[in-house]
């Protein structure tokens, strides 16, 4: 529920600030980051909730997507046009590093 909450909060704040599109992107990004940080643990035995089992969702990937969306939302408001090629390149590099990291962990 953090992602829709982030979108709605971002939209509301963005409407007040005069940047609804950027507000949605920033709120969505913060929702992804919040989901990555506060991901619930796996279900426990016999109905126990919140055990220390591994989370089925990859947290790092959600955080990368969230950070990218926050940067894009802020960049729409403040960044010059020359900034966008660097932003996309940095995101693709981080995504490639993440895939390599995941590949070596599963070896």
Protein backbone atom coordinates (compact mmCIF):
# COMPACT_ATOMS: atom_id res chain seq x y z
CA UNK A 1 0.00 0.00 0.00
CA UNK A 2 3.02 2.29 0.12
CA UNK A 3 3.09 2.76 -3.66
CA UNK A 4 -0.50 4.00 -4.08
CA UNK A 5 -0.15 6.09 -0.93
CA UNK A 6 3.00 7.67 -2.34
CA UNK A 7 1.28 8.40 -5.65
CA UNK A 8 -1.69 10.08 -3.96
CA UNK A 9 0.48 12.08 -1.57
CA UNK A 10 2.77 13.12 -4.42
CA UNK A 11 -0.19 14.14 -6.57
CA UNK A 12 -1.69 16.22 -3.78
CA UNK A 13 1.57 17.96 -2.94
CA UNK A 14 2.34 18.38 -6.65
CA UNK A 15 -1.05 20.02 -7.25
CA UNK A 16 -0.39 22.46 -4.42
CA UNK A 17 3.09 23.23 -5.77
CA UNK A 18 1.93 23.50 -9.39
CA UNK A 19 3.76 20.37 -10.63
CA UNK A 20 1.27 17.47 -10.50
CA UNK A 21 3.18 15.21 -12.91
CA UNK A 22 6.45 15.60 -11.06
CA UNK A 23 4.66 15.11 -7.75
CA UNK A 24 3.25 11.79 -8.94
CA UNK A 25 6.68 10.60 -10.10
CA UNK A 26 8.35 11.61 -6.86
CA UNK A 27 5.56 10.05 -4.76
CA UNK A 28 5.70 6.86 -6.83
CA UNK A 29 9.47 6.70 -6.42
CA UNK A 30 9.22 7.21 -2.68
CA UNK A 31 6.57 4.48 -2.55
CA UNK A 32 8.94 2.06 -4.30
CA UNK A 33 11.79 3.01 -1.97
CA UNK A 34 9.49 2.61 1.04
CA UNK A 35 8.42 -0.81 -0.23
CA UNK A 36 12.05 -1.83 -0.62
CA UNK A 37 12.98 -0.65 2.87
CA UNK A 38 9.91 -1.88 4.69
CA UNK A 39 9.27 -5.08 2.72
CA UNK A 40 7.42 -7.55 4.90
CA UNK A 41 9.14 -10.74 5.83
CA UNK A 42 7.86 -14.03 4.47
CA UNK A 43 4.93 -15.74 6.19
CA UNK A 44 5.81 -17.84 9.20
CA UNK A 45 4.73 -21.35 10.10
CA UNK A 46 1.11 -21.95 11.19
CA UNK A 47 -0.13 -18.41 10.68
CA UNK A 48 2.67 -16.49 12.40
CA UNK A 49 3.17 -13.10 10.80
CA UNK A 50 6.39 -11.13 10.46
CA UNK A 51 8.93 -13.91 10.91
CA UNK A 52 12.56 -13.60 9.94
CA UNK A 53 12.24 -15.52 6.67
CA UNK A 54 13.54 -14.04 3.44
CA UNK A 55 11.35 -11.61 1.54
CA UNK A 56 10.15 -13.00 -1.80
CA UNK A 57 10.49 -9.58 -3.44
CA UNK A 58 13.90 -8.23 -4.56
CA UNK A 59 14.38 -5.13 -2.44
CA UNK A 60 17.33 -3.62 -4.27
CA UNK A 61 15.57 -3.52 -7.62
CA UNK A 62 12.60 -1.66 -6.11
CA UNK A 63 14.97 0.85 -4.53
CA UNK A 64 16.74 1.45 -7.86
CA UNK A 65 13.45 2.01 -9.66
CA UNK A 66 12.27 4.30 -6.86
CA UNK A 67 15.45 6.36 -6.91
CA UNK A 68 15.21 6.69 -10.69
CA UNK A 69 11.61 7.91 -10.49
CA UNK A 70 12.46 10.44 -7.76
CA UNK A 71 15.37 11.78 -9.82
CA UNK A 72 13.20 12.03 -12.93
CA UNK A 73 10.47 13.86 -11.00
CA UNK A 74 12.94 16.33 -9.54
CA UNK A 75 14.72 16.62 -12.87
CA UNK A 76 11.54 17.64 -14.68
CA UNK A 77 11.32 20.65 -12.40
CA UNK A 78 14.97 21.71 -12.03
CA UNK A 79 17.29 19.91 -14.44
CA UNK A 80 18.49 21.36 -17.73
CA UNK A 81 18.03 19.34 -20.90
CA UNK A 82 21.71 18.39 -20.92
CA UNK A 83 21.15 16.40 -17.72
CA UNK A 84 18.82 13.75 -19.19
CA UNK A 85 21.36 11.75 -21.25
CA UNK A 86 23.54 11.41 -18.15
CA UNK A 87 20.58 10.36 -16.02
CA UNK A 88 19.55 7.63 -18.42
CA UNK A 89 23.16 6.42 -18.75
CA UNK A 90 23.62 6.28 -14.96
CA UNK A 91 20.35 4.38 -14.56
CA UNK A 92 21.33 1.82 -17.21
CA UNK A 93 24.75 1.35 -15.60
CA UNK A 94 23.16 0.81 -12.18
CA UNK A 95 20.69 -1.62 -13.68
CA UNK A 96 23.50 -3.60 -15.34
CA UNK A 97 25.46 -3.69 -12.07
CA UNK A 98 22.34 -4.92 -10.28
CA UNK A 99 21.86 -7.76 -12.78
CA UNK A 100 25.52 -8.77 -12.38
CA UNK A 101 25.18 -8.69 -8.61
CA UNK A 102 22.07 -10.89 -8.73
CA UNK A 103 23.77 -13.32 -11.12
CA UNK A 104 26.78 -13.77 -8.83
CA UNK A 105 24.64 -14.17 -5.71
CA UNK A 106 22.65 -17.04 -7.28
CA UNK A 107 25.83 -18.94 -8.27
